[in-house]
Amino acid sequence: MKSNKVIDALLGLAIGDAVGVPFEFSSRDKMQANPSTGMIGHGTYNQPKGTWSDDSSLTFCLAESLINGYDLKDISEKFIKWVDKAYWTAHDEIFDIGFTTSIAISRLRDIIEEGNLDELKRQKYYGDERDNGNGSLMRIIPLLFYIKGKPIKEQFDIVWEISALTHRHIRAAMSCMIYLKLAEKLLEGKNKIDAYTEMRSEIIEFWNEIEFSEKERKHFNRLIQSDIRETKIDDLKSGGYVIEVLESSIWFFLNKDTYEETILSIINLGHDTDTSAAIAGGLAGIYYGQRGIPESWVVSIARLDDIVELGNRLNEEYCDNNKGWKILLGS
């Protein structure tokens, strides 16, 4: 089949998510004793093989909305439709939803019902420490194709608005910005080490431009001010905190040589396995392409045709005129 970098990103994320779903909440000790070796079914949620979770559902909702332009109301309505009608789920049911995301989507529903749509843009001003879970980072990758090539300040303003629909704190938004800036460098064809080096430099320059507080900068010390590759694996975490999963996803992406190794290795940290693998999978999907993902995983993923169609539509909207983005895969 034909693929492109949008499909690569969406499949990379969803397949990582699906490989991780059966192991969610497993401890690191349990994963080390019985590590993941491939895509399986059942496990934590007793779901069929190839089932993805809320991570992918919200990603697909964002991707579909962006096809028709940038509209916070439409994005919010798709998130609400996911909750109310199991929209963009693998098997027409929701089996996993984060607490912060659930509360936030209820808030979005109230805002829309009251008709106070300007509040959607103002959500980023109301963040507190409780808004620093990984729930906006896990769904942010489609935004790459809308913001690519824009000035970084404009990119961040958009990223924070999208992040703040569910996770309003600037730390969650900056985590999304770092992730997308690395993805943008990969999209430009950089090797992953150069992409990481350039991202760090541009982020620090941006921080200086906006006078990003030292209080917040310290949370990114291992990833931006230092080289995350020097962090020992035993010091990585994979829980629900956005900094943890940002660090671990980039660490495994940089230190492993294939999509499969990246996904299985981060899952074997345990805990929030589906989200960690989804976030790492988005980067690895862009970098290695669909051809780099085990074929047995690709053909097993739920709603494969729908994901490919969605990727093609988003690609046509934002990427078709960029030479070299389309690649021909084996039929």
C-alpha atoms as a PDB file:
ATOM      1  CA  MET A   1       0.000   0.000   0.000  1.00  0.00           C
ATOM      2  CA  LYS A   2       1.037   3.615  -0.378  1.00  0.00           C
ATOM      3  CA  SER A   3       2.023   5.512   2.707  1.00  0.00           C
ATOM      4  CA  ASN A   4       3.173   8.975   3.702  1.00  0.00           C
ATOM      5  CA  LYS A   5       4.576  10.560   6.829  1.00  0.00           C
ATOM      6  CA  VAL A   6       1.120  11.299   8.228  1.00  0.00           C
ATOM      7  CA  ILE A   7       0.137   7.649   7.978  1.00  0.00           C
ATOM      8  CA  ASP A   8       3.539   6.668   9.366  1.00  0.00           C
ATOM      9  CA  ALA A   9       2.963   8.875  12.426  1.00  0.00           C
ATOM     10  CA  LEU A  10      -0.617   7.717  13.014  1.00  0.00           C
ATOM     11  CA  LEU A  11       0.188   4.038  12.592  1.00  0.00           C
ATOM     12  CA  GLY A  12       3.367   4.385  14.640  1.00  0.00           C
ATOM     13  CA  LEU A  13       1.360   5.825  17.504  1.00  0.00           C
ATOM     14  CA  ALA A  14      -1.652   3.495  17.289  1.00  0.00           C
ATOM     15  CA  ILE A  15       0.399   0.333  16.946  1.00  0.00           C
ATOM     16  CA  GLY A  16       2.609   1.301  19.886  1.00  0.00           C
ATOM     17  CA  ASP A  17      -0.567   1.977  21.848  1.00  0.00           C
ATOM     18  CA  ALA A  18      -2.042  -1.410  20.915  1.00  0.00           C
ATOM     19  CA  VAL A  19       1.111  -3.317  21.812  1.00  0.00           C
ATOM     20  CA  GLY A  20       1.107  -1.584  25.193  1.00  0.00           C
ATOM     21  CA  VAL A  21      -2.592  -1.929  26.082  1.00  0.00           C
ATOM     22  CA  PRO A  22      -2.449  -5.482  27.511  1.00  0.00           C
ATOM     23  CA  PHE A  23       0.319  -4.515  29.941  1.00  0.00           C
ATOM     24  CA  GLU A  24      -0.982  -1.244  31.390  1.00  0.00           C
ATOM     25  CA  PHE A  25      -0.426  -0.880  35.150  1.00  0.00           C
ATOM     26  CA  SER A  26       2.060  -3.780  35.217  1.00  0.00           C
ATOM     27  CA  SER A  27       5.034  -3.047  37.458  1.00  0.00           C
ATOM     28  CA  ARG A  28       8.569  -2.831  36.128  1.00  0.00           C
ATOM     29  CA  ASP A  29       9.486  -5.949  38.086  1.00  0.00           C
ATOM     30  CA  LYS A  30       6.595  -7.852  36.537  1.00  0.00           C
ATOM     31  CA  MET A  31       7.587  -6.720  33.038  1.00  0.00           C
ATOM     32  CA  GLN A  32      11.202  -7.679  33.603  1.00  0.00           C
ATOM     33  CA  ALA A  33      10.127 -11.146  34.757  1.00  0.00           C
ATOM     34  CA  ASN A  34       7.776 -11.596  31.791  1.00  0.00           C
ATOM     35  CA  PRO A  35       8.659  -9.007  29.134  1.00  0.00           C
ATOM     36  CA  SER A  36       6.554  -8.076  26.150  1.00  0.00           C
ATOM     37  CA  THR A  37       7.820  -9.691  22.966  1.00  0.00           C
ATOM     38  CA  GLY A  38       5.131  -8.655  20.508  1.00  0.00           C
ATOM     39  CA  MET A  39       1.532  -7.684  19.938  1.00  0.00           C
ATOM     40  CA  ILE A  40      -0.889  -9.791  21.945  1.00  0.00           C
ATOM     41  CA  GLY A  41      -4.505  -9.593  23.043  1.00  0.00           C
ATOM     42  CA  HIS A  42      -6.368  -9.572  26.351  1.00  0.00           C
ATOM     43  CA  GLY A  43      -4.289  -8.664  29.412  1.00  0.00           C
ATOM     44  CA  THR A  44      -5.298  -5.652  31.503  1.00  0.00           C
ATOM     45  CA  TYR A  45      -8.514  -4.778  29.662  1.00  0.00           C
ATOM     46  CA  ASN A  46      -9.216  -8.162  28.059  1.00  0.00           C
ATOM     47  CA  GLN A  47      -9.270  -6.568  24.609  1.00  0.00           C
ATOM     48  CA  PRO A  48      -8.645  -8.343  21.285  1.00  0.00           C
ATOM     49  CA  LYS A  49      -5.199  -8.183  19.735  1.00  0.00           C
ATOM     50  CA  GLY A  50      -4.609  -4.918  17.897  1.00  0.00           C
ATOM     51  CA  THR A  51      -6.907  -2.822  20.099  1.00  0.00           C
ATOM     52  CA  TRP A  52      -5.808   0.743  20.741  1.00  0.00           C
ATOM     53  CA  SER A  53      -6.913   2.973  23.588  1.00  0.00           C
ATOM     54  CA  ASP A  54      -7.961   6.550  24.329  1.00  0.00           C
ATOM     55  CA  ASP A  55      -4.486   7.716  23.287  1.00  0.00           C
ATOM     56  CA  SER A  56      -5.190   6.853  19.661  1.00  0.00           C
ATOM     57  CA  SER A  57      -8.879   7.767  19.779  1.00  0.00           C
ATOM     58  CA  LEU A  58      -8.139  11.364  20.787  1.00  0.00           C
ATOM     59  CA  THR A  59      -5.279  11.508  18.291  1.00  0.00           C
ATOM     60  CA  PHE A  60      -7.634  10.504  15.495  1.00  0.00           C
ATOM     61  CA  CYS A  61     -10.249  13.005  16.667  1.00  0.00           C
ATOM     62  CA  LEU A  62      -7.664  15.784  16.447  1.00  0.00           C
ATOM     63  CA  ALA A  63      -6.423  14.592  13.059  1.00  0.00           C
ATOM     64  CA  GLU A  64      -9.925  14.476  11.605  1.00  0.00           C
ATOM     65  CA  SER A  65     -10.750  17.947  12.885  1.00  0.00           C
ATOM     66  CA  LEU A  66      -7.574  19.462  11.449  1.00  0.00           C
ATOM     67  CA  ILE A  67      -8.527  18.249   7.974  1.00  0.00           C
ATOM     68  CA  ASN A  68     -11.121  21.023   7.955  1.00  0.00           C
ATOM     69  CA  GLY A  69      -8.819  23.635   9.470  1.00  0.00           C
ATOM     70  CA  TYR A  70      -7.974  24.850  12.949  1.00  0.00           C
ATOM     71  CA  ASP A  71     -11.134  25.057  15.057  1.00  0.00           C
ATOM     72  CA  LEU A  72     -11.034  24.604  18.838  1.00  0.00           C
ATOM     73  CA  LYS A  73     -14.804  24.144  18.970  1.00  0.00           C
ATOM     74  CA  ASP A  74     -14.754  21.351  16.409  1.00  0.00           C
ATOM     75  CA  ILE A  75     -11.853  19.620  18.151  1.00  0.00           C
ATOM     76  CA  SER A  76     -13.700  19.865  21.464  1.00  0.00           C
ATOM     77  CA  GLU A  77     -16.893  18.510  19.940  1.00  0.00           C
ATOM     78  CA  LYS A  78     -15.031  15.497  18.588  1.00  0.00           C
ATOM     79  CA  PHE A  79     -13.538  14.822  22.017  1.00  0.00           C
ATOM     80  CA  ILE A  80     -17.039  15.041  23.490  1.00  0.00           C
ATOM     81  CA  LYS A  81     -18.384  12.725  20.796  1.00  0.00           C
ATOM     82  CA  TRP A  82     -15.679  10.229  21.729  1.00  0.00           C
ATOM     83  CA  VAL A  83     -16.897  10.237  25.348  1.00  0.00           C
ATOM     84  CA  ASP A  84     -20.625  10.255  24.545  1.00  0.00           C
ATOM     85  CA  LYS A  85     -20.748   7.977  21.510  1.00  0.00           C
ATOM     86  CA  ALA A  86     -17.442   6.057  21.534  1.00  0.00           C
ATOM     87  CA  TYR A  87     -16.407   7.957  18.389  1.00  0.00           C
ATOM     88  CA  TRP A  88     -13.069   6.889  16.908  1.00  0.00           C
ATOM     89  CA  THR A  89     -12.737   3.902  19.208  1.00  0.00           C
ATOM     90  CA  ALA A  90     -11.303   0.567  18.146  1.00  0.00           C
ATOM     91  CA  HIS A  91     -14.448  -1.488  18.821  1.00  0.00           C
ATOM     92  CA  ASP A  92     -17.225   1.022  19.585  1.00  0.00           C
ATOM     93  CA  GLU A  93     -16.484   1.169  23.298  1.00  0.00           C
ATOM     94  CA  ILE A  94     -14.370   3.209  25.692  1.00  0.00           C
ATOM     95  CA  PHE A  95     -12.424   1.097  28.146  1.00  0.00           C
ATOM     96  CA  ASP A  96      -9.841   3.633  29.345  1.00  0.00           C
ATOM     97  CA  ILE A  97     -10.036   7.350  30.081  1.00  0.00           C
ATOM     98  CA  GLY A  98      -7.754   9.444  32.259  1.00  0.00           C
ATOM     99  CA  PHE A  99      -9.226  11.356  35.191  1.00  0.00           C
ATOM    100  CA  THR A 100      -7.903  14.754  34.094  1.00  0.00           C
ATOM    101  CA  THR A 101      -9.090  14.184  30.535  1.00  0.00           C
ATOM    102  CA  SER A 102     -12.537  13.116  31.706  1.00  0.00           C
ATOM    103  CA  ILE A 103     -12.952  16.229  33.872  1.00  0.00           C
ATOM    104  CA  ALA A 104     -11.631  18.457  31.088  1.00  0.00           C
ATOM    105  CA  ILE A 105     -14.016  17.090  28.450  1.00  0.00           C
ATOM    106  CA  SER A 106     -16.942  17.675  30.811  1.00  0.00           C
ATOM    107  CA  ARG A 107     -15.697  21.245  31.119  1.00  0.00           C
ATOM    108  CA  LEU A 108     -15.533  21.591  27.336  1.00  0.00           C
ATOM    109  CA  ARG A 109     -19.109  20.353  27.092  1.00  0.00           C
ATOM    110  CA  ASP A 110     -20.246  23.040  29.544  1.00  0.00           C
ATOM    111  CA  ILE A 111     -18.370  25.773  27.686  1.00  0.00           C
ATOM    112  CA  ILE A 112     -19.925  24.821  24.349  1.00  0.00           C
ATOM    113  CA  GLU A 113     -23.419  24.421  25.774  1.00  0.00           C
ATOM    114  CA  GLU A 114     -23.153  27.879  27.346  1.00  0.00           C
ATOM    115  CA  GLY A 115     -21.986  29.318  24.008  1.00  0.00           C
ATOM    116  CA  ASN A 116     -18.961  30.989  25.575  1.00  0.00           C
ATOM    117  CA  LEU A 117     -16.539  29.824  22.887  1.00  0.00           C
ATOM    118  CA  ASP A 118     -13.862  32.399  23.705  1.00  0.00           C
ATOM    119  CA  GLU A 119     -13.285  30.347  26.847  1.00  0.00           C
ATOM    120  CA  LEU A 120     -11.805  27.599  24.675  1.00  0.00           C
ATOM    121  CA  LYS A 121      -8.897  29.903  23.818  1.00  0.00           C
ATOM    122  CA  ARG A 122      -8.541  31.028  27.426  1.00  0.00           C
ATOM    123  CA  GLN A 123      -8.136  27.581  28.961  1.00  0.00           C
ATOM    124  CA  LYS A 124      -4.350  27.926  28.920  1.00  0.00           C
ATOM    125  CA  TYR A 125      -4.564  30.698  31.492  1.00  0.00           C
ATOM    126  CA  TYR A 126      -6.199  28.470  34.102  1.00  0.00           C
ATOM    127  CA  GLY A 127      -3.624  25.700  34.457  1.00  0.00           C
ATOM    128  CA  ASP A 128      -2.236  24.359  37.709  1.00  0.00           C
ATOM    129  CA  GLU A 129       0.081  21.532  38.747  1.00  0.00           C
ATOM    130  CA  ARG A 130      -2.707  18.981  38.420  1.00  0.00           C
ATOM    131  CA  ASP A 131      -2.809  19.639  34.661  1.00  0.00           C
ATOM    132  CA  ASN A 132       0.562  18.020  33.973  1.00  0.00           C
ATOM    133  CA  GLY A 133      -0.462  14.500  33.106  1.00  0.00           C
ATOM    134  CA  ASN A 134       0.508  12.905  29.793  1.00  0.00           C
ATOM    135  CA  GLY A 135      -2.962  13.164  28.240  1.00  0.00           C
ATOM    136  CA  SER A 136      -2.277  16.043  25.854  1.00  0.00           C
ATOM    137  CA  LEU A 137       1.149  14.782  24.784  1.00  0.00           C
ATOM    138  CA  MET A 138      -0.276  11.400  23.838  1.00  0.00           C
ATOM    139  CA  ARG A 139      -2.642  12.911  21.228  1.00  0.00           C
ATOM    140  CA  ILE A 140      -0.615  15.862  19.899  1.00  0.00           C
ATOM    141  CA  ILE A 141       1.229  14.339  16.912  1.00  0.00           C
ATOM    142  CA  PRO A 142      -1.347  15.299  14.194  1.00  0.00           C
ATOM    143  CA  LEU A 143      -0.772  18.955  15.041  1.00  0.00           C
ATOM    144  CA  LEU A 144       2.741  18.610  13.606  1.00  0.00           C
ATOM    145  CA  PHE A 145       1.373  18.703  10.086  1.00  0.00           C
ATOM    146  CA  TYR A 146      -0.557  21.910  10.730  1.00  0.00           C
ATOM    147  CA  ILE A 147       2.233  23.872  12.478  1.00  0.00           C
ATOM    148  CA  LYS A 148       5.292  22.620  10.556  1.00  0.00           C
ATOM    149  CA  GLY A 149       7.333  25.474   9.129  1.00  0.00           C
ATOM    150  CA  LYS A 150       5.630  28.202  11.177  1.00  0.00           C
ATOM    151  CA  PRO A 151       7.705  30.475  13.471  1.00  0.00           C
ATOM    152  CA  ILE A 152       8.265  28.750  16.795  1.00  0.00           C
ATOM    153  CA  LYS A 153       6.384  31.371  18.827  1.00  0.00           C
ATOM    154  CA  GLU A 154       3.330  30.893  16.622  1.00  0.00           C
ATOM    155  CA  GLN A 155       3.730  27.136  16.893  1.00  0.00           C
ATOM    156  CA  PHE A 156       3.774  27.279  20.666  1.00  0.00           C
ATOM    157  CA  ASP A 157       0.713  29.494  20.899  1.00  0.00           C
ATOM    158  CA  ILE A 158      -1.208  26.902  18.874  1.00  0.00           C
ATOM    159  CA  VAL A 159       0.268  23.958  20.771  1.00  0.00           C
ATOM    160  CA  TRP A 160      -0.694  25.455  24.125  1.00  0.00           C
ATOM    161  CA  GLU A 161      -4.277  26.069  22.978  1.00  0.00           C
ATOM    162  CA  ILE A 162      -4.625  22.456  21.849  1.00  0.00           C
ATOM    163  CA  SER A 163      -2.903  21.037  24.927  1.00  0.00           C
ATOM    164  CA  ALA A 164      -5.016  23.228  27.222  1.00  0.00           C
ATOM    165  CA  LEU A 165      -8.276  21.702  26.040  1.00  0.00           C
ATOM    166  CA  THR A 166      -7.461  18.928  28.496  1.00  0.00           C
ATOM    167  CA  HIS A 167      -4.121  19.812  30.158  1.00  0.00           C
ATOM    168  CA  ARG A 168      -3.824  23.523  30.786  1.00  0.00           C
ATOM    169  CA  HIS A 169      -0.455  24.020  32.490  1.00  0.00           C
ATOM    170  CA  ILE A 170       2.436  25.502  30.520  1.00  0.00           C
ATOM    171  CA  ARG A 171       4.635  22.521  31.441  1.00  0.00           C
ATOM    172  CA  ALA A 172       2.328  20.111  29.621  1.00  0.00           C
ATOM    173  CA  ALA A 173       2.221  22.479  26.647  1.00  0.00           C
ATOM    174  CA  MET A 174       6.009  22.884  26.569  1.00  0.00           C
ATOM    175  CA  SER A 175       6.363  19.104  26.677  1.00  0.00           C
ATOM    176  CA  CYS A 176       4.141  18.932  23.594  1.00  0.00           C
ATOM    177  CA  MET A 177       6.211  21.662  21.932  1.00  0.00           C
ATOM    178  CA  ILE A 178       9.482  19.824  22.570  1.00  0.00           C
ATOM    179  CA  TYR A 179       8.026  16.598  21.219  1.00  0.00           C
ATOM    180  CA  LEU A 180       6.637  18.254  18.091  1.00  0.00           C
ATOM    181  CA  LYS A 181       9.820  20.200  17.429  1.00  0.00           C
ATOM    182  CA  LEU A 182      11.797  16.943  17.501  1.00  0.00           C
ATOM    183  CA  ALA A 183       9.204  15.370  15.203  1.00  0.00           C
ATOM    184  CA  GLU A 184       9.472  18.351  12.853  1.00  0.00           C
ATOM    185  CA  LYS A 185      13.222  17.838  12.577  1.00  0.00           C
ATOM    186  CA  LEU A 186      12.649  14.174  11.745  1.00  0.00           C
ATOM    187  CA  LEU A 187      10.105  15.220   9.147  1.00  0.00           C
ATOM    188  CA  GLU A 188      12.790  17.358   7.533  1.00  0.00           C
ATOM    189  CA  GLY A 189      14.888  14.224   7.045  1.00  0.00           C
ATOM    190  CA  LYS A 190      17.396  14.743   9.857  1.00  0.00           C
ATOM    191  CA  ASN A 191      18.922  11.707  11.512  1.00  0.00           C
ATOM    192  CA  LYS A 192      17.628  11.320  15.024  1.00  0.00           C
ATOM    193  CA  ILE A 193      20.737  12.536  16.855  1.00  0.00           C
ATOM    194  CA  ASP A 194      21.005  15.685  14.745  1.00  0.00           C
ATOM    195  CA  ALA A 195      17.261  16.211  15.116  1.00  0.00           C
ATOM    196  CA  TYR A 196      17.556  15.971  18.895  1.00  0.00           C
ATOM    197  CA  THR A 197      20.563  18.315  19.015  1.00  0.00           C
ATOM    198  CA  GLU A 198      18.889  20.930  16.832  1.00  0.00           C
ATOM    199  CA  MET A 199      15.648  20.679  18.803  1.00  0.00           C
ATOM    200  CA  ARG A 200      17.411  21.325  22.104  1.00  0.00           C
ATOM    201  CA  SER A 201      19.195  24.374  20.691  1.00  0.00           C
ATOM    202  CA  GLU A 202      16.008  25.867  19.234  1.00  0.00           C
ATOM    203  CA  ILE A 203      14.020  25.236  22.402  1.00  0.00           C
ATOM    204  CA  ILE A 204      16.613  26.985  24.586  1.00  0.00           C
ATOM    205  CA  GLU A 205      16.671  29.933  22.195  1.00  0.00           C
ATOM    206  CA  PHE A 206      12.871  30.039  22.322  1.00  0.00           C
ATOM    207  CA  TRP A 207      12.885  29.920  26.126  1.00  0.00           C
ATOM    208  CA  ASN A 208      15.168  32.932  26.176  1.00  0.00           C
ATOM    209  CA  GLU A 209      12.916  34.747  23.722  1.00  0.00           C
ATOM    210  CA  ILE A 210       9.786  34.253  25.830  1.00  0.00           C
ATOM    211  CA  GLU A 211      11.630  34.476  29.165  1.00  0.00           C
ATOM    212  CA  PHE A 212      10.485  31.027  30.183  1.00  0.00           C
ATOM    213  CA  SER A 213      10.860  30.848  33.940  1.00  0.00           C
ATOM    214  CA  GLU A 214      13.755  29.091  35.621  1.00  0.00           C
ATOM    215  CA  LYS A 215      11.185  27.425  37.866  1.00  0.00           C
ATOM    216  CA  GLU A 216       9.766  25.654  34.811  1.00  0.00           C
ATOM    217  CA  ARG A 217      13.049  25.127  32.961  1.00  0.00           C
ATOM    218  CA  LYS A 218      14.363  22.923  35.762  1.00  0.00           C
ATOM    219  CA  HIS A 219      11.743  20.279  34.974  1.00  0.00           C
ATOM    220  CA  PHE A 220      13.327  19.793  31.536  1.00  0.00           C
ATOM    221  CA  ASN A 221      16.927  19.708  32.749  1.00  0.00           C
ATOM    222  CA  ARG A 222      17.669  16.089  31.798  1.00  0.00           C
ATOM    223  CA  LEU A 223      16.075  16.451  28.387  1.00  0.00           C
ATOM    224  CA  ILE A 224      17.016  19.946  27.183  1.00  0.00           C
ATOM    225  CA  GLN A 225      19.842  21.453  29.247  1.00  0.00           C
ATOM    226  CA  SER A 226      21.519  18.022  29.377  1.00  0.00           C
ATOM    227  CA  ASP A 227      21.649  15.107  26.948  1.00  0.00           C
ATOM    228  CA  ILE A 228      18.896  12.625  27.851  1.00  0.00           C
ATOM    229  CA  ARG A 229      20.979   9.783  26.420  1.00  0.00           C
ATOM    230  CA  GLU A 230      23.290  10.105  29.417  1.00  0.00           C
ATOM    231  CA  THR A 231      20.451   9.296  31.823  1.00  0.00           C
ATOM    232  CA  LYS A 232      20.605   5.743  33.162  1.00  0.00           C
ATOM    233  CA  ILE A 233      17.682   3.523  32.277  1.00  0.00           C
ATOM    234  CA  ASP A 234      17.036   2.847  35.965  1.00  0.00           C
ATOM    235  CA  ASP A 235      16.386   6.578  36.414  1.00  0.00           C
ATOM    236  CA  LEU A 236      13.649   6.649  33.769  1.00  0.00           C
ATOM    237  CA  LYS A 237      10.003   6.485  34.784  1.00  0.00           C
ATOM    238  CA  SER A 238       6.853   5.700  32.829  1.00  0.00           C
ATOM    239  CA  GLY A 239       3.915   6.858  34.884  1.00  0.00           C
ATOM    240  CA  GLY A 240       1.272   9.456  34.174  1.00  0.00           C
ATOM    241  CA  TYR A 241       3.422  12.572  34.686  1.00  0.00           C
ATOM    242  CA  VAL A 242       4.148  14.305  31.381  1.00  0.00           C
ATOM    243  CA  ILE A 243       7.855  14.877  32.051  1.00  0.00           C
ATOM    244  CA  GLU A 244       8.396  11.199  32.834  1.00  0.00           C
ATOM    245  CA  VAL A 245       6.899   9.947  29.610  1.00  0.00           C
ATOM    246  CA  LEU A 246       8.507  12.689  27.509  1.00  0.00           C
ATOM    247  CA  GLU A 247      11.930  11.741  28.849  1.00  0.00           C
ATOM    248  CA  SER A 248      11.445   8.000  28.504  1.00  0.00           C
ATOM    249  CA  SER A 249       9.890   8.130  25.032  1.00  0.00           C
ATOM    250  CA  ILE A 250      12.717  10.244  23.646  1.00  0.00           C
ATOM    251  CA  TRP A 251      15.355   8.169  25.485  1.00  0.00           C
ATOM    252  CA  PHE A 252      14.153   4.920  23.944  1.00  0.00           C
ATOM    253  CA  PHE A 253      13.676   6.489  20.533  1.00  0.00           C
ATOM    254  CA  LEU A 254      17.261   7.750  20.555  1.00  0.00           C
ATOM    255  CA  ASN A 255      18.866   4.652  22.062  1.00  0.00           C
ATOM    256  CA  LYS A 256      17.154   1.896  20.104  1.00  0.00           C
ATOM    257  CA  ASP A 257      17.715   1.078  16.450  1.00  0.00           C
ATOM    258  CA  THR A 258      14.326  -0.119  15.228  1.00  0.00           C
ATOM    259  CA  TYR A 259      10.650   0.618  15.708  1.00  0.00           C
ATOM    260  CA  GLU A 260      10.110  -2.793  17.305  1.00  0.00           C
ATOM    261  CA  GLU A 261      12.954  -2.364  19.815  1.00  0.00           C
ATOM    262  CA  THR A 262      11.742   1.114  20.724  1.00  0.00           C
ATOM    263  CA  ILE A 263       8.199  -0.046  21.452  1.00  0.00           C
ATOM    264  CA  LEU A 264       8.985  -3.253  23.312  1.00  0.00           C
ATOM    265  CA  SER A 265      11.720  -1.645  25.400  1.00  0.00           C
ATOM    266  CA  ILE A 266       9.564   1.227  26.643  1.00  0.00           C
ATOM    267  CA  ILE A 267       6.651  -1.133  27.366  1.00  0.00           C
ATOM    268  CA  ASN A 268       8.975  -3.224  29.497  1.00  0.00           C
ATOM    269  CA  LEU A 269       9.373  -0.273  31.860  1.00  0.00           C
ATOM    270  CA  GLY A 270       5.815  -1.085  32.923  1.00  0.00           C
ATOM    271  CA  HIS A 271       3.149   1.252  34.359  1.00  0.00           C
ATOM    272  CA  ASP A 272       1.516   3.485  31.694  1.00  0.00           C
ATOM    273  CA  THR A 273       2.602   1.169  28.905  1.00  0.00           C
ATOM    274  CA  ASP A 274       0.081   2.093  26.219  1.00  0.00           C
ATOM    275  CA  THR A 275       0.684   5.836  26.471  1.00  0.00           C
ATOM    276  CA  SER A 276       4.469   5.521  26.693  1.00  0.00           C
ATOM    277  CA  ALA A 277       4.533   3.294  23.620  1.00  0.00           C
ATOM    278  CA  ALA A 278       2.096   5.531  21.744  1.00  0.00           C
ATOM    279  CA  ILE A 279       4.234   8.631  22.315  1.00  0.00           C
ATOM    280  CA  ALA A 280       7.484   6.859  21.432  1.00  0.00           C
ATOM    281  CA  GLY A 281       5.693   5.205  18.524  1.00  0.00           C
ATOM    282  CA  GLY A 282       4.727   8.511  16.974  1.00  0.00           C
ATOM    283  CA  LEU A 283       8.376   9.510  16.674  1.00  0.00           C
ATOM    284  CA  ALA A 284       9.508   6.042  15.616  1.00  0.00           C
ATOM    285  CA  GLY A 285       6.747   5.836  13.029  1.00  0.00           C
ATOM    286  CA  ILE A 286       7.906   9.038  11.387  1.00  0.00           C
ATOM    287  CA  TYR A 287      11.550   7.986  11.504  1.00  0.00           C
ATOM    288  CA  TYR A 288      11.375   4.348  10.412  1.00  0.00           C
ATOM    289  CA  GLY A 289       8.211   4.546   8.321  1.00  0.00           C
ATOM    290  CA  GLN A 290       5.470   1.976   7.941  1.00  0.00           C
ATOM    291  CA  ARG A 291       7.974  -0.389   6.347  1.00  0.00           C
ATOM    292  CA  GLY A 292       9.947  -0.364   9.595  1.00  0.00           C
ATOM    293  CA  ILE A 293       6.989  -1.638  11.632  1.00  0.00           C
ATOM    294  CA  PRO A 294       6.588  -5.435  11.854  1.00  0.00           C
ATOM    295  CA  GLU A 295       4.068  -6.413   9.187  1.00  0.00           C
ATOM    296  CA  SER A 296       2.233  -8.722  11.573  1.00  0.00           C
ATOM    297  CA  TRP A 297       1.598  -5.722  13.849  1.00  0.00           C
ATOM    298  CA  VAL A 298       0.354  -3.565  10.987  1.00  0.00           C
ATOM    299  CA  VAL A 299      -2.158  -6.098   9.673  1.00  0.00           C
ATOM    300  CA  SER A 300      -3.437  -6.795  13.192  1.00  0.00           C
ATOM    301  CA  ILE A 301      -4.245  -3.200  14.125  1.00  0.00           C
ATOM    302  CA  ALA A 302      -7.915  -2.408  14.562  1.00  0.00           C
ATOM    303  CA  ARG A 303      -9.503  -0.271  11.812  1.00  0.00           C
ATOM    304  CA  LEU A 304      -6.356  -0.222   9.684  1.00  0.00           C
ATOM    305  CA  ASP A 305      -8.200   0.964   6.575  1.00  0.00           C
ATOM    306  CA  ASP A 306      -9.840   3.808   8.506  1.00  0.00           C
ATOM    307  CA  ILE A 307      -6.491   4.963   9.909  1.00  0.00           C
ATOM    308  CA  VAL A 308      -4.892   4.912   6.465  1.00  0.00           C
ATOM    309  CA  GLU A 309      -7.806   6.842   4.960  1.00  0.00           C
ATOM    310  CA  LEU A 310      -7.584   9.419   7.752  1.00  0.00           C
ATOM    311  CA  GLY A 311      -3.843   9.782   7.203  1.00  0.00           C
ATOM    312  CA  ASN A 312      -4.319  10.251   3.483  1.00  0.00           C
ATOM    313  CA  ARG A 313      -6.910  12.965   4.035  1.00  0.00           C
ATOM    314  CA  LEU A 314      -4.703  14.875   6.463  1.00  0.00           C
ATOM    315  CA  ASN A 315      -1.740  14.424   4.137  1.00  0.00           C
ATOM    316  CA  GLU A 316      -3.708  15.825   1.199  1.00  0.00           C
ATOM    317  CA  GLU A 317      -4.641  18.884   3.232  1.00  0.00           C
ATOM    318  CA  TYR A 318      -1.190  19.828   4.513  1.00  0.00           C
ATOM    319  CA  CYS A 319       1.545  17.749   2.916  1.00  0.00           C
ATOM    320  CA  ASP A 320       0.798  16.834  -0.701  1.00  0.00           C
ATOM    321  CA  ASN A 321       2.795  19.737  -2.116  1.00  0.00           C
ATOM    322  CA  ASN A 322       5.955  18.820  -0.213  1.00  0.00           C
ATOM    323  CA  LYS A 323       8.316  16.844  -2.418  1.00  0.00           C
ATOM    324  CA  GLY A 324       9.635  13.595  -1.076  1.00  0.00           C
ATOM    325  CA  TRP A 325       6.945  13.016   1.533  1.00  0.00           C
ATOM    326  CA  LYS A 326       5.169  10.233  -0.279  1.00  0.00           C
ATOM    327  CA  ILE A 327       6.823   6.822  -0.396  1.00  0.00           C
ATOM    328  CA  LEU A 328       5.735   3.667  -2.144  1.00  0.00           C
ATOM    329  CA  LEU A 329       5.458   0.615   0.058  1.00  0.00           C
ATOM    330  CA  GLY A 330       5.319  -2.970  -1.040  1.00  0.00           C
ATOM    331  CA  SER A 331       1.864  -3.899  -2.273  1.00  0.00           C
END
